[in-house]
Amino acid sequence: MESNLEVLAQEAIEELKTVHDFLRWGVSRFNASDIYYGHGTDNPWDECLSLVSFALNMPPQLNAEILGSNLTLSERGSIVDLICQRISTKKPAAYLTNLAYFVDLPFYVNESVLVPRSPIGELIRNQFDGLINHAPNRIMDLCTGSACIAIACAYAFPEAQVDALDISPEALSIADENIHRLDVADRVVPIMSDVFSGVSGQQYDLIVSNPPYVDAEDIDDMPEEFHHEPEIGLASGNDGLDITRTILAQAADHLTDDGVLIVEVGNSMIHLQAEFPQVAFNWIEFEHGGLGVFSLTKAQLVEHKSLFTND
């Protein structure tokens, strides 16, 4: 912790009183720093609120009565310590608290998995309305990480069986913990798999994937916060599409006849459109922000299989 921040921190602990005081102080400190928002929040107030509520063992949304309440000396110290750690380490808040919310569900996270933040969450809330014809019986979450998409899908479709695939043993350990914490172990199964290698012969009504898709240039230019995340969950070759190409080439074999593939590729959508101009990717529009997510039906994947497999 920088010496000036240490002085300001001690001053805050001694002089400030209420929850709102410390939220205001934290926002001021964040505004004076060069931290980056993008791991669950997009502004200093929400970022600070996530740390304050965690320090107080409170839900993430604090009402006016709580905001006006006085804090004990130890509570003040805990809040200030988290705020200072966020500034000095550049770690995303979720790694400091080991907690991230996705589709209103609490997920345990550490630096073995990406912090949940995919716009696919909006699609899950809407039960993929307009993208699928019926409630899916079998769902695959490919490159599952913390299993946030898999588990949220299990909550959205209570009758569905969900397979959560990942190549990382560390990520699958976190996924398994979240599966048990959120009580879906009877319907969500973590599977070690290099893309589809672990589910040979299996078919699904819906495949959802948020694979690594950051290109080499963007990896180098990313803010420091992203470098606390596992690179295996971010990088995918020079243009960010190495894994996506494999998904496109093989997904049809793992979809039922009316099955649908949904994949997030973020900014690499530009490279994807340039490489496959003949393919009518359905680029999904989001009400609450986000881009670079497409859907394709099994029929479309079959139609363009020679393109995707370079036959």
Protein backbone atom coordinates (compact mmCIF):
# COMPACT_ATOMS: atom_id res chain seq x y z
CA MET A 1 0.00 0.00 0.00
CA GLU A 2 1.40 3.41 -0.94
CA SER A 3 2.33 5.61 2.02
CA ASN A 4 -0.19 8.32 1.11
CA LEU A 5 -2.95 5.72 0.86
CA GLU A 6 -1.93 4.39 4.27
CA VAL A 7 -2.33 7.85 5.77
CA LEU A 8 -5.73 8.33 4.15
CA ALA A 9 -6.82 4.87 5.27
CA GLN A 10 -5.93 5.50 8.90
CA GLU A 11 -7.68 8.86 8.77
CA ALA A 12 -10.84 7.21 7.43
CA ILE A 13 -10.83 4.53 10.12
CA GLU A 14 -10.50 7.14 12.85
CA GLU A 15 -12.89 9.82 11.56
CA LEU A 16 -15.61 8.25 9.42
CA LYS A 17 -18.66 6.64 11.04
CA THR A 18 -21.40 5.32 8.75
CA VAL A 19 -21.62 2.80 5.93
CA HIS A 20 -22.38 5.67 3.55
CA ASP A 21 -19.28 7.52 4.76
CA PHE A 22 -17.09 4.59 3.77
CA LEU A 23 -18.82 4.11 0.45
CA ARG A 24 -18.20 7.76 -0.37
CA TRP A 25 -14.58 7.48 0.81
CA GLY A 26 -14.00 4.36 -1.26
CA VAL A 27 -15.44 5.95 -4.39
CA SER A 28 -13.20 8.97 -3.86
CA ARG A 29 -10.14 6.75 -3.53
CA PHE A 30 -11.12 4.75 -6.61
CA ASN A 31 -11.60 7.96 -8.61
CA ALA A 32 -8.11 9.08 -7.58
CA SER A 33 -6.58 5.77 -8.74
CA ASP A 34 -6.14 4.12 -12.13
CA ILE A 35 -8.12 0.95 -11.46
CA TYR A 36 -10.21 -0.56 -14.24
CA TYR A 37 -13.85 -1.65 -13.95
CA GLY A 38 -15.08 -4.56 -16.03
CA HIS A 39 -15.34 -7.63 -13.81
CA GLY A 40 -18.94 -7.45 -12.71
CA THR A 41 -19.24 -3.67 -12.29
CA ASP A 42 -18.67 -0.70 -14.57
CA ASN A 43 -18.43 2.18 -12.09
CA PRO A 44 -16.70 3.03 -8.78
CA TRP A 45 -19.89 3.10 -6.67
CA ASP A 46 -20.95 -0.47 -7.52
CA GLU A 47 -17.36 -1.69 -7.22
CA CYS A 48 -17.06 -0.17 -3.74
CA LEU A 49 -20.51 -1.40 -2.76
CA SER A 50 -19.51 -4.98 -3.53
CA LEU A 51 -16.54 -4.71 -1.16
CA VAL A 52 -18.42 -2.91 1.62
CA SER A 53 -21.35 -5.33 1.61
CA PHE A 54 -18.98 -8.29 1.68
CA ALA A 55 -17.01 -6.86 4.60
CA LEU A 56 -20.26 -6.45 6.53
CA ASN A 57 -21.66 -9.89 5.62
CA MET A 58 -24.61 -8.17 4.03
CA PRO A 59 -26.44 -8.70 0.70
CA PRO A 60 -25.05 -6.71 -2.23
CA GLN A 61 -27.89 -4.18 -2.21
CA LEU A 62 -27.89 -2.09 0.99
CA ASN A 63 -31.00 -0.11 1.96
CA ALA A 64 -31.07 3.44 3.33
CA GLU A 65 -31.25 2.30 6.95
CA ILE A 66 -28.10 0.22 6.59
CA LEU A 67 -26.29 3.00 4.74
CA GLY A 68 -26.96 5.37 7.64
CA SER A 69 -25.86 2.97 10.38
CA ASN A 70 -22.65 3.40 12.34
CA LEU A 71 -19.78 0.94 12.01
CA THR A 72 -17.60 -0.63 14.66
CA LEU A 73 -13.87 -0.03 14.59
CA SER A 74 -13.17 -3.54 13.29
CA GLU A 75 -15.78 -3.15 10.53
CA ARG A 76 -14.20 0.13 9.45
CA GLY A 77 -10.81 -1.58 9.32
CA SER A 78 -12.13 -4.48 7.23
CA ILE A 79 -13.76 -2.15 4.70
CA VAL A 80 -10.73 0.09 4.36
CA ASP A 81 -8.42 -2.90 3.97
CA LEU A 82 -10.46 -4.28 1.06
CA ILE A 83 -10.64 -0.89 -0.66
CA CYS A 84 -6.88 -0.40 -0.30
CA GLN A 85 -6.16 -3.92 -1.57
CA ARG A 86 -8.30 -3.22 -4.64
CA ILE A 87 -6.22 -0.15 -5.41
CA SER A 88 -2.76 -1.48 -4.59
CA THR A 89 -3.02 -5.00 -6.10
CA LYS A 90 -5.31 -4.21 -9.07
CA LYS A 91 -7.10 -7.48 -8.37
CA PRO A 92 -10.76 -7.51 -9.43
CA ALA A 93 -13.05 -7.17 -6.41
CA ALA A 94 -14.39 -10.69 -6.96
CA TYR A 95 -10.94 -12.17 -6.29
CA LEU A 96 -10.63 -10.22 -3.05
CA THR A 97 -14.00 -11.47 -1.81
CA ASN A 98 -14.04 -14.85 -3.65
CA LEU A 99 -17.60 -13.94 -4.60
CA ALA A 100 -19.28 -12.96 -7.86
CA TYR A 101 -22.95 -12.76 -8.77
CA PHE A 102 -24.25 -14.02 -12.11
CA VAL A 103 -27.98 -14.07 -12.93
CA ASP A 104 -28.53 -13.21 -9.24
CA LEU A 105 -26.73 -16.36 -8.08
CA PRO A 106 -23.63 -16.20 -5.84
CA PHE A 107 -20.55 -17.97 -7.20
CA TYR A 108 -17.30 -18.80 -5.48
CA VAL A 109 -14.38 -17.63 -7.64
CA ASN A 110 -10.62 -17.41 -7.38
CA GLU A 111 -7.82 -16.75 -9.86
CA SER A 112 -8.27 -20.20 -11.43
CA VAL A 113 -11.42 -19.02 -13.23
CA LEU A 114 -12.61 -15.90 -15.00
CA VAL A 115 -14.85 -13.53 -13.08
CA PRO A 116 -18.44 -14.20 -14.34
CA ARG A 117 -19.67 -11.30 -16.50
CA SER A 118 -20.95 -12.70 -19.80
CA PRO A 119 -23.93 -11.01 -21.51
CA ILE A 120 -25.20 -14.57 -22.01
CA GLY A 121 -26.67 -14.07 -18.55
CA GLU A 122 -29.38 -11.91 -20.15
CA LEU A 123 -30.27 -14.75 -22.52
CA ILE A 124 -30.52 -17.17 -19.60
CA ARG A 125 -32.86 -14.80 -17.73
CA ASN A 126 -35.08 -14.78 -20.82
CA GLN A 127 -34.78 -18.57 -21.22
CA PHE A 128 -33.19 -18.00 -24.65
CA ASP A 129 -36.48 -16.62 -25.94
CA GLY A 130 -36.49 -16.43 -29.72
CA LEU A 131 -33.38 -18.60 -30.01
CA ILE A 132 -34.71 -22.06 -29.11
CA ASN A 133 -38.05 -23.67 -29.98
CA HIS A 134 -38.64 -25.59 -26.77
CA ALA A 135 -37.26 -26.03 -23.28
CA PRO A 136 -34.02 -28.00 -23.69
CA ASN A 137 -33.67 -31.40 -22.04
CA ARG A 138 -29.89 -31.51 -22.35
CA ILE A 139 -27.60 -28.46 -22.20
CA MET A 140 -23.84 -28.20 -22.60
CA ASP A 141 -21.84 -25.34 -21.11
CA LEU A 142 -18.55 -25.52 -23.01
CA CYS A 143 -15.50 -23.88 -21.36
CA THR A 144 -17.49 -23.65 -18.15
CA GLY A 145 -14.93 -22.05 -15.79
CA SER A 146 -16.80 -21.41 -12.54
CA ALA A 147 -19.87 -23.20 -14.00
CA CYS A 148 -21.84 -19.96 -13.77
CA ILE A 149 -23.55 -20.46 -17.14
CA ALA A 150 -24.21 -24.16 -16.49
CA ILE A 151 -25.74 -23.56 -13.08
CA ALA A 152 -27.77 -20.54 -14.17
CA CYS A 153 -29.15 -22.67 -17.02
CA ALA A 154 -30.07 -25.38 -14.53
CA TYR A 155 -32.04 -22.83 -12.52
CA ALA A 156 -33.72 -21.45 -15.67
CA PHE A 157 -34.69 -24.94 -16.87
CA PRO A 158 -35.48 -27.07 -13.78
CA GLU A 159 -36.04 -30.23 -15.84
CA ALA A 160 -32.81 -30.02 -17.84
CA GLN A 161 -29.61 -32.00 -17.41
CA VAL A 162 -26.51 -29.85 -17.86
CA ASP A 163 -22.94 -30.90 -18.63
CA ALA A 164 -20.23 -28.39 -17.66
CA LEU A 165 -17.06 -28.93 -19.74
CA ASP A 166 -13.59 -27.49 -19.24
CA ILE A 167 -9.98 -28.43 -19.95
CA SER A 168 -8.65 -26.97 -16.68
CA PRO A 169 -8.63 -29.24 -13.59
CA GLU A 170 -8.42 -26.13 -11.39
CA ALA A 171 -11.47 -24.61 -13.04
CA LEU A 172 -13.42 -27.87 -12.75
CA SER A 173 -12.64 -27.96 -9.04
CA ILE A 174 -14.22 -24.51 -8.66
CA ALA A 175 -17.13 -25.57 -10.87
CA ASP A 176 -17.75 -28.62 -8.70
CA GLU A 177 -17.71 -26.48 -5.56
CA ASN A 178 -20.30 -24.11 -7.02
CA ILE A 179 -22.44 -27.01 -8.24
CA HIS A 180 -22.64 -28.32 -4.68
CA ARG A 181 -22.98 -24.91 -3.02
CA LEU A 182 -25.96 -24.10 -5.24
CA ASP A 183 -27.49 -27.56 -4.80
CA VAL A 184 -27.64 -28.71 -8.43
CA ALA A 185 -25.32 -31.72 -8.23
CA ASP A 186 -28.19 -33.99 -9.31
CA ARG A 187 -28.48 -32.18 -12.66
CA VAL A 188 -25.14 -30.45 -13.40
CA VAL A 189 -22.08 -32.60 -14.10
CA PRO A 190 -18.52 -31.22 -14.44
CA ILE A 191 -16.57 -32.98 -17.20
CA MET A 192 -12.88 -32.76 -18.11
CA SER A 193 -12.84 -32.09 -21.83
CA ASP A 194 -10.64 -30.49 -24.48
CA VAL A 195 -13.49 -28.84 -26.39
CA PHE A 196 -15.73 -31.87 -27.19
CA SER A 197 -13.24 -34.67 -26.44
CA GLY A 198 -14.92 -35.68 -23.18
CA VAL A 199 -18.44 -36.14 -24.60
CA SER A 200 -17.91 -38.39 -27.60
CA GLY A 201 -21.24 -39.50 -29.07
CA GLN A 202 -23.29 -37.20 -26.82
CA GLN A 203 -25.91 -34.82 -28.22
CA TYR A 204 -27.55 -31.75 -26.71
CA ASP A 205 -30.52 -29.52 -27.44
CA LEU A 206 -28.48 -26.44 -26.57
CA ILE A 207 -24.72 -25.78 -26.52
CA VAL A 208 -23.67 -22.54 -24.87
CA SER A 209 -20.05 -21.44 -24.83
CA ASN A 210 -18.05 -18.48 -23.58
CA PRO A 211 -14.66 -19.77 -24.79
CA PRO A 212 -11.32 -17.94 -24.72
CA TYR A 213 -11.54 -15.38 -27.52
CA VAL A 214 -9.05 -12.57 -26.86
CA ASP A 215 -6.56 -12.01 -29.68
CA ALA A 216 -2.83 -11.60 -29.09
CA GLU A 217 -2.86 -7.82 -29.53
CA ASP A 218 -5.67 -7.30 -27.01
CA ILE A 219 -4.00 -9.61 -24.46
CA ASP A 220 -0.94 -7.36 -24.47
CA ASP A 221 -3.03 -4.18 -24.17
CA MET A 222 -5.39 -5.35 -21.40
CA PRO A 223 -5.53 -3.46 -18.07
CA GLU A 224 -3.68 -5.04 -15.17
CA GLU A 225 -6.91 -6.43 -13.67
CA PHE A 226 -7.24 -8.93 -16.53
CA HIS A 227 -3.76 -10.32 -15.93
CA HIS A 228 -4.97 -11.71 -12.59
CA GLU A 229 -7.31 -13.98 -14.57
CA PRO A 230 -6.06 -17.28 -16.02
CA GLU A 231 -4.68 -16.68 -19.50
CA ILE A 232 -6.02 -20.09 -20.57
CA GLY A 233 -9.51 -18.61 -20.11
CA LEU A 234 -8.79 -15.53 -22.25
CA ALA A 235 -6.27 -16.12 -25.04
CA SER A 236 -7.04 -18.09 -28.20
CA GLY A 237 -4.37 -17.49 -30.81
CA ASN A 238 -3.44 -14.48 -32.90
CA ASP A 239 -7.01 -13.61 -33.88
CA GLY A 240 -8.79 -15.02 -30.81
CA LEU A 241 -10.62 -17.71 -32.78
CA ASP A 242 -8.55 -20.89 -32.39
CA ILE A 243 -11.06 -22.59 -30.08
CA THR A 244 -14.10 -21.09 -31.82
CA ARG A 245 -13.02 -22.69 -35.11
CA THR A 246 -12.94 -26.09 -33.42
CA ILE A 247 -16.38 -25.47 -31.94
CA LEU A 248 -17.82 -24.53 -35.32
CA ALA A 249 -16.26 -27.58 -36.99
CA GLN A 250 -17.50 -30.10 -34.42
CA ALA A 251 -20.66 -28.69 -32.79
CA ALA A 252 -23.10 -30.16 -35.31
CA ASP A 253 -22.11 -33.67 -34.25
CA HIS A 254 -23.15 -32.85 -30.69
CA LEU A 255 -26.51 -31.17 -31.39
CA THR A 256 -29.93 -32.76 -31.76
CA ASP A 257 -31.72 -32.09 -35.06
CA ASP A 258 -33.31 -28.85 -33.84
CA GLY A 259 -30.40 -27.98 -31.57
CA VAL A 260 -28.79 -24.54 -31.30
CA LEU A 261 -25.25 -23.35 -30.69
CA ILE A 262 -24.64 -20.04 -28.88
CA VAL A 263 -21.08 -18.70 -28.62
CA GLU A 264 -19.55 -15.50 -27.28
CA VAL A 265 -16.56 -14.17 -29.22
CA GLY A 266 -16.55 -10.54 -28.09
CA ASN A 267 -14.41 -8.19 -30.18
CA SER A 268 -13.18 -11.14 -32.24
CA MET A 269 -16.53 -11.07 -34.06
CA ILE A 270 -14.77 -8.84 -36.60
CA HIS A 271 -12.25 -11.58 -37.40
CA LEU A 272 -15.02 -14.22 -37.51
CA GLN A 273 -17.15 -12.28 -39.97
CA ALA A 274 -14.11 -11.60 -42.15
CA GLU A 275 -13.14 -15.29 -42.24
CA PHE A 276 -16.64 -16.64 -42.92
CA PRO A 277 -18.53 -13.96 -44.90
CA GLN A 278 -20.79 -16.64 -46.40
CA VAL A 279 -22.22 -17.59 -42.97
CA ALA A 280 -25.32 -15.77 -41.71
CA PHE A 281 -24.32 -15.61 -38.05
CA ASN A 282 -27.22 -14.44 -35.89
CA TRP A 283 -25.56 -11.67 -33.87
CA ILE A 284 -27.66 -11.19 -30.76
CA GLU A 285 -28.63 -7.73 -29.52
CA PHE A 286 -28.70 -7.14 -25.76
CA GLU A 287 -30.84 -4.75 -23.76
CA HIS A 288 -28.28 -4.37 -21.00
CA GLY A 289 -25.04 -4.15 -22.95
CA GLY A 290 -22.75 -6.67 -24.57
CA LEU A 291 -21.83 -7.75 -28.07
CA GLY A 292 -20.12 -10.51 -30.00
CA VAL A 293 -22.53 -13.35 -29.19
CA PHE A 294 -23.90 -15.38 -32.09
CA SER A 295 -26.26 -18.30 -32.54
CA LEU A 296 -26.35 -20.93 -35.27
CA THR A 297 -28.73 -23.82 -35.73
CA LYS A 298 -27.56 -27.36 -36.35
CA ALA A 299 -28.87 -27.02 -39.90
CA GLN A 300 -26.63 -23.98 -40.48
CA LEU A 301 -23.62 -25.76 -39.00
CA VAL A 302 -24.22 -28.75 -41.27
CA GLU A 303 -24.71 -26.46 -44.31
CA HIS A 304 -21.35 -24.79 -43.75
CA LYS A 305 -19.45 -27.79 -42.38
CA SER A 306 -17.02 -27.86 -45.32
CA LEU A 307 -16.13 -24.22 -44.61
CA PHE A 308 -15.61 -24.83 -40.92
CA THR A 309 -13.57 -28.00 -41.43
CA ASN A 310 -11.62 -26.66 -44.43
CA ASP A 311 -12.69 -29.65 -46.51
